[in-house]
């Protein structure tokens, strides 16, 4: 036997069509595997968008609650405590939601075989919001003379 006995030219036609060809040639192109987005990554991104909207709404609501209590000289009267309580509790709740968003985003980044776009975006946005919250908290404490 020589090499010509095993060439593809001598192979029967039905063997190449039936897929019994072991030469490495596939008659059909294999489709690349499409990765799905990670569920925790999407959840982290949604949490970041919800908290951004929550911060905007809470500052608008607190501003509308404080506006009628201001004097003509822009000095607060004594009835503004409820507005500041609302703003403080809303910011603390949204900051806790941001912490959850960072954790869920990191979980989304750790999953194998999934796209990581939403996990990256959600983790970055939640982390930046937490960083800004901590900086705001530090500035308020420094202006009050606590640090």
C-alpha atoms as a PDB file:
ATOM      1  CA  UNK A   1       0.000   0.000   0.000  1.00  0.00           C
ATOM      2  CA  UNK A   2       1.190   3.454  -0.764  1.00  0.00           C
ATOM      3  CA  UNK A   3      -0.028   6.977   0.055  1.00  0.00           C
ATOM      4  CA  UNK A   4      -2.253   7.150  -2.980  1.00  0.00           C
ATOM      5  CA  UNK A   5      -4.429   4.375  -1.627  1.00  0.00           C
ATOM      6  CA  UNK A   6      -5.483   6.611   1.292  1.00  0.00           C
ATOM      7  CA  UNK A   7      -5.956   9.889  -0.569  1.00  0.00           C
ATOM      8  CA  UNK A   8      -9.315  11.640  -0.630  1.00  0.00           C
ATOM      9  CA  UNK A   9      -9.600  11.196  -4.387  1.00  0.00           C
ATOM     10  CA  UNK A  10      -9.990   7.455  -3.942  1.00  0.00           C
ATOM     11  CA  UNK A  11     -12.487   7.817  -1.076  1.00  0.00           C
ATOM     12  CA  UNK A  12     -16.083   6.977  -1.935  1.00  0.00           C
ATOM     13  CA  UNK A  13     -18.423   9.988  -2.224  1.00  0.00           C
ATOM     14  CA  UNK A  14     -20.890   8.822   0.428  1.00  0.00           C
ATOM     15  CA  UNK A  15     -18.135   8.537   3.088  1.00  0.00           C
ATOM     16  CA  UNK A  16     -17.313  12.261   2.825  1.00  0.00           C
ATOM     17  CA  UNK A  17     -20.985  13.203   2.998  1.00  0.00           C
ATOM     18  CA  UNK A  18     -21.897  10.915   5.889  1.00  0.00           C
ATOM     19  CA  UNK A  19     -19.282  12.452   8.193  1.00  0.00           C
ATOM     20  CA  UNK A  20     -17.039   9.399   8.463  1.00  0.00           C
ATOM     21  CA  UNK A  21     -14.095  11.464   7.262  1.00  0.00           C
ATOM     22  CA  UNK A  22     -11.324  11.438   9.856  1.00  0.00           C
ATOM     23  CA  UNK A  23      -8.961  13.745   7.978  1.00  0.00           C
ATOM     24  CA  UNK A  24      -9.898  16.781  10.104  1.00  0.00           C
ATOM     25  CA  UNK A  25     -12.100  18.448   7.516  1.00  0.00           C
ATOM     26  CA  UNK A  26     -15.596  19.253   8.723  1.00  0.00           C
ATOM     27  CA  UNK A  27     -18.223  19.774   6.041  1.00  0.00           C
ATOM     28  CA  UNK A  28     -20.012  22.372   8.209  1.00  0.00           C
ATOM     29  CA  UNK A  29     -18.539  25.341  10.063  1.00  0.00           C
ATOM     30  CA  UNK A  30     -18.815  25.078  13.815  1.00  0.00           C
ATOM     31  CA  UNK A  31     -20.662  28.051  15.259  1.00  0.00           C
ATOM     32  CA  UNK A  32     -18.797  29.955  17.957  1.00  0.00           C
ATOM     33  CA  UNK A  33     -20.314  29.572  21.387  1.00  0.00           C
ATOM     34  CA  UNK A  34     -22.352  32.600  22.376  1.00  0.00           C
ATOM     35  CA  UNK A  35     -21.824  33.542  26.002  1.00  0.00           C
ATOM     36  CA  UNK A  36     -24.791  34.670  28.059  1.00  0.00           C
ATOM     37  CA  UNK A  37     -24.662  37.696  30.327  1.00  0.00           C
ATOM     38  CA  UNK A  38     -24.252  36.901  34.002  1.00  0.00           C
ATOM     39  CA  UNK A  39     -27.382  37.296  36.096  1.00  0.00           C
ATOM     40  CA  UNK A  40     -25.581  38.819  39.091  1.00  0.00           C
ATOM     41  CA  UNK A  41     -23.821  41.264  36.753  1.00  0.00           C
ATOM     42  CA  UNK A  42     -27.151  42.436  35.350  1.00  0.00           C
ATOM     43  CA  UNK A  43     -28.533  42.692  38.889  1.00  0.00           C
ATOM     44  CA  UNK A  44     -25.552  44.820  39.956  1.00  0.00           C
ATOM     45  CA  UNK A  45     -26.065  47.138  36.987  1.00  0.00           C
ATOM     46  CA  UNK A  46     -29.796  47.473  37.729  1.00  0.00           C
ATOM     47  CA  UNK A  47     -29.053  48.176  41.404  1.00  0.00           C
ATOM     48  CA  UNK A  48     -26.626  50.922  40.401  1.00  0.00           C
ATOM     49  CA  UNK A  49     -29.184  52.577  38.113  1.00  0.00           C
ATOM     50  CA  UNK A  50     -31.922  52.292  40.765  1.00  0.00           C
ATOM     51  CA  UNK A  51     -29.690  53.828  43.435  1.00  0.00           C
ATOM     52  CA  UNK A  52     -28.663  56.689  41.143  1.00  0.00           C
ATOM     53  CA  UNK A  53     -32.326  57.433  40.526  1.00  0.00           C
ATOM     54  CA  UNK A  54     -32.991  57.044  44.263  1.00  0.00           C
ATOM     55  CA  UNK A  55     -30.340  59.586  45.193  1.00  0.00           C
ATOM     56  CA  UNK A  56     -31.712  62.086  42.698  1.00  0.00           C
ATOM     57  CA  UNK A  57     -35.299  61.599  43.884  1.00  0.00           C
ATOM     58  CA  UNK A  58     -34.366  61.753  47.574  1.00  0.00           C
ATOM     59  CA  UNK A  59     -32.483  65.047  47.146  1.00  0.00           C
ATOM     60  CA  UNK A  60     -35.401  66.503  45.163  1.00  0.00           C
ATOM     61  CA  UNK A  61     -37.923  65.397  47.803  1.00  0.00           C
ATOM     62  CA  UNK A  62     -35.743  66.684  50.645  1.00  0.00           C
ATOM     63  CA  UNK A  63     -35.349  69.999  48.806  1.00  0.00           C
ATOM     64  CA  UNK A  64     -39.104  70.354  48.389  1.00  0.00           C
ATOM     65  CA  UNK A  65     -39.625  69.532  52.060  1.00  0.00           C
ATOM     66  CA  UNK A  66     -37.017  72.067  53.194  1.00  0.00           C
ATOM     67  CA  UNK A  67     -37.995  74.895  50.819  1.00  0.00           C
ATOM     68  CA  UNK A  68     -41.220  75.954  52.615  1.00  0.00           C
ATOM     69  CA  UNK A  69     -39.420  75.965  55.976  1.00  0.00           C
ATOM     70  CA  UNK A  70     -36.799  78.530  54.944  1.00  0.00           C
ATOM     71  CA  UNK A  71     -37.108  82.111  56.121  1.00  0.00           C
ATOM     72  CA  UNK A  72     -36.683  85.001  53.745  1.00  0.00           C
ATOM     73  CA  UNK A  73     -33.053  85.173  54.865  1.00  0.00           C
ATOM     74  CA  UNK A  74     -32.480  81.494  53.952  1.00  0.00           C
ATOM     75  CA  UNK A  75     -32.234  80.453  57.602  1.00  0.00           C
ATOM     76  CA  UNK A  76     -33.921  77.184  58.532  1.00  0.00           C
ATOM     77  CA  UNK A  77     -36.781  77.202  60.985  1.00  0.00           C
ATOM     78  CA  UNK A  78     -37.218  74.519  63.613  1.00  0.00           C
ATOM     79  CA  UNK A  79     -39.676  72.412  61.577  1.00  0.00           C
ATOM     80  CA  UNK A  80     -37.082  71.121  59.097  1.00  0.00           C
ATOM     81  CA  UNK A  81     -36.087  68.056  61.140  1.00  0.00           C
ATOM     82  CA  UNK A  82     -38.386  65.702  59.230  1.00  0.00           C
ATOM     83  CA  UNK A  83     -36.823  66.594  55.898  1.00  0.00           C
ATOM     84  CA  UNK A  84     -33.305  65.979  57.169  1.00  0.00           C
ATOM     85  CA  UNK A  85     -34.403  62.724  58.788  1.00  0.00           C
ATOM     86  CA  UNK A  86     -35.896  61.581  55.468  1.00  0.00           C
ATOM     87  CA  UNK A  87     -32.766  62.543  53.563  1.00  0.00           C
ATOM     88  CA  UNK A  88     -30.471  60.808  56.042  1.00  0.00           C
ATOM     89  CA  UNK A  89     -32.460  57.578  56.106  1.00  0.00           C
ATOM     90  CA  UNK A  90     -32.816  57.555  52.320  1.00  0.00           C
ATOM     91  CA  UNK A  91     -29.076  58.012  51.831  1.00  0.00           C
ATOM     92  CA  UNK A  92     -28.257  55.269  54.357  1.00  0.00           C
ATOM     93  CA  UNK A  93     -30.705  52.853  52.707  1.00  0.00           C
ATOM     94  CA  UNK A  94     -29.331  53.637  49.243  1.00  0.00           C
ATOM     95  CA  UNK A  95     -25.749  53.239  50.478  1.00  0.00           C
ATOM     96  CA  UNK A  96     -26.630  49.804  51.881  1.00  0.00           C
ATOM     97  CA  UNK A  97     -28.134  48.961  48.492  1.00  0.00           C
ATOM     98  CA  UNK A  98     -24.869  50.089  46.866  1.00  0.00           C
ATOM     99  CA  UNK A  99     -22.890  47.724  49.101  1.00  0.00           C
ATOM    100  CA  UNK A 100     -25.194  44.897  48.002  1.00  0.00           C
ATOM    101  CA  UNK A 101     -24.659  45.982  44.385  1.00  0.00           C
ATOM    102  CA  UNK A 102     -20.872  45.831  44.742  1.00  0.00           C
ATOM    103  CA  UNK A 103     -21.026  42.342  46.266  1.00  0.00           C
ATOM    104  CA  UNK A 104     -23.410  41.067  43.583  1.00  0.00           C
ATOM    105  CA  UNK A 105     -21.225  42.658  40.882  1.00  0.00           C
ATOM    106  CA  UNK A 106     -18.133  40.892  42.193  1.00  0.00           C
ATOM    107  CA  UNK A 107     -20.059  37.618  42.184  1.00  0.00           C
ATOM    108  CA  UNK A 108     -21.048  38.327  38.570  1.00  0.00           C
ATOM    109  CA  UNK A 109     -17.401  38.915  37.678  1.00  0.00           C
ATOM    110  CA  UNK A 110     -16.352  35.624  39.276  1.00  0.00           C
ATOM    111  CA  UNK A 111     -18.691  33.458  37.185  1.00  0.00           C
ATOM    112  CA  UNK A 112     -16.987  31.503  34.435  1.00  0.00           C
ATOM    113  CA  UNK A 113     -18.373  31.176  30.961  1.00  0.00           C
ATOM    114  CA  UNK A 114     -20.456  34.351  31.161  1.00  0.00           C
ATOM    115  CA  UNK A 115     -20.085  37.839  29.784  1.00  0.00           C
ATOM    116  CA  UNK A 116     -18.791  40.301  32.335  1.00  0.00           C
ATOM    117  CA  UNK A 117     -19.830  43.648  30.830  1.00  0.00           C
ATOM    118  CA  UNK A 118     -22.740  44.353  33.166  1.00  0.00           C
ATOM    119  CA  UNK A 119     -20.786  43.069  36.169  1.00  0.00           C
ATOM    120  CA  UNK A 120     -17.926  45.467  35.437  1.00  0.00           C
ATOM    121  CA  UNK A 121     -20.197  48.453  34.833  1.00  0.00           C
ATOM    122  CA  UNK A 122     -22.366  47.715  37.891  1.00  0.00           C
ATOM    123  CA  UNK A 123     -19.393  47.201  40.187  1.00  0.00           C
ATOM    124  CA  UNK A 124     -17.710  50.411  39.008  1.00  0.00           C
ATOM    125  CA  UNK A 125     -20.845  52.562  39.346  1.00  0.00           C
ATOM    126  CA  UNK A 126     -21.754  51.120  42.770  1.00  0.00           C
ATOM    127  CA  UNK A 127     -18.156  51.487  43.951  1.00  0.00           C
ATOM    128  CA  UNK A 128     -17.935  55.112  42.786  1.00  0.00           C
ATOM    129  CA  UNK A 129     -21.210  55.958  44.509  1.00  0.00           C
ATOM    130  CA  UNK A 130     -19.943  54.371  47.744  1.00  0.00           C
ATOM    131  CA  UNK A 131     -16.665  56.249  47.436  1.00  0.00           C
ATOM    132  CA  UNK A 132     -18.514  59.544  46.966  1.00  0.00           C
ATOM    133  CA  UNK A 133     -20.752  58.715  49.936  1.00  0.00           C
ATOM    134  CA  UNK A 134     -17.730  58.054  52.156  1.00  0.00           C
ATOM    135  CA  UNK A 135     -16.033  61.246  50.965  1.00  0.00           C
ATOM    136  CA  UNK A 136     -19.201  63.233  51.687  1.00  0.00           C
ATOM    137  CA  UNK A 137     -19.401  61.653  55.130  1.00  0.00           C
ATOM    138  CA  UNK A 138     -15.738  62.502  55.841  1.00  0.00           C
ATOM    139  CA  UNK A 139     -16.217  66.116  54.707  1.00  0.00           C
ATOM    140  CA  UNK A 140     -19.268  66.524  56.936  1.00  0.00           C
ATOM    141  CA  UNK A 141     -17.401  65.090  59.927  1.00  0.00           C
ATOM    142  CA  UNK A 142     -14.384  67.292  59.293  1.00  0.00           C
ATOM    143  CA  UNK A 143     -16.534  70.404  58.984  1.00  0.00           C
ATOM    144  CA  UNK A 144     -18.235  69.512  62.257  1.00  0.00           C
ATOM    145  CA  UNK A 145     -14.826  69.170  63.928  1.00  0.00           C
ATOM    146  CA  UNK A 146     -15.170  65.471  64.787  1.00  0.00           C
ATOM    147  CA  UNK A 147     -12.052  64.258  62.999  1.00  0.00           C
END
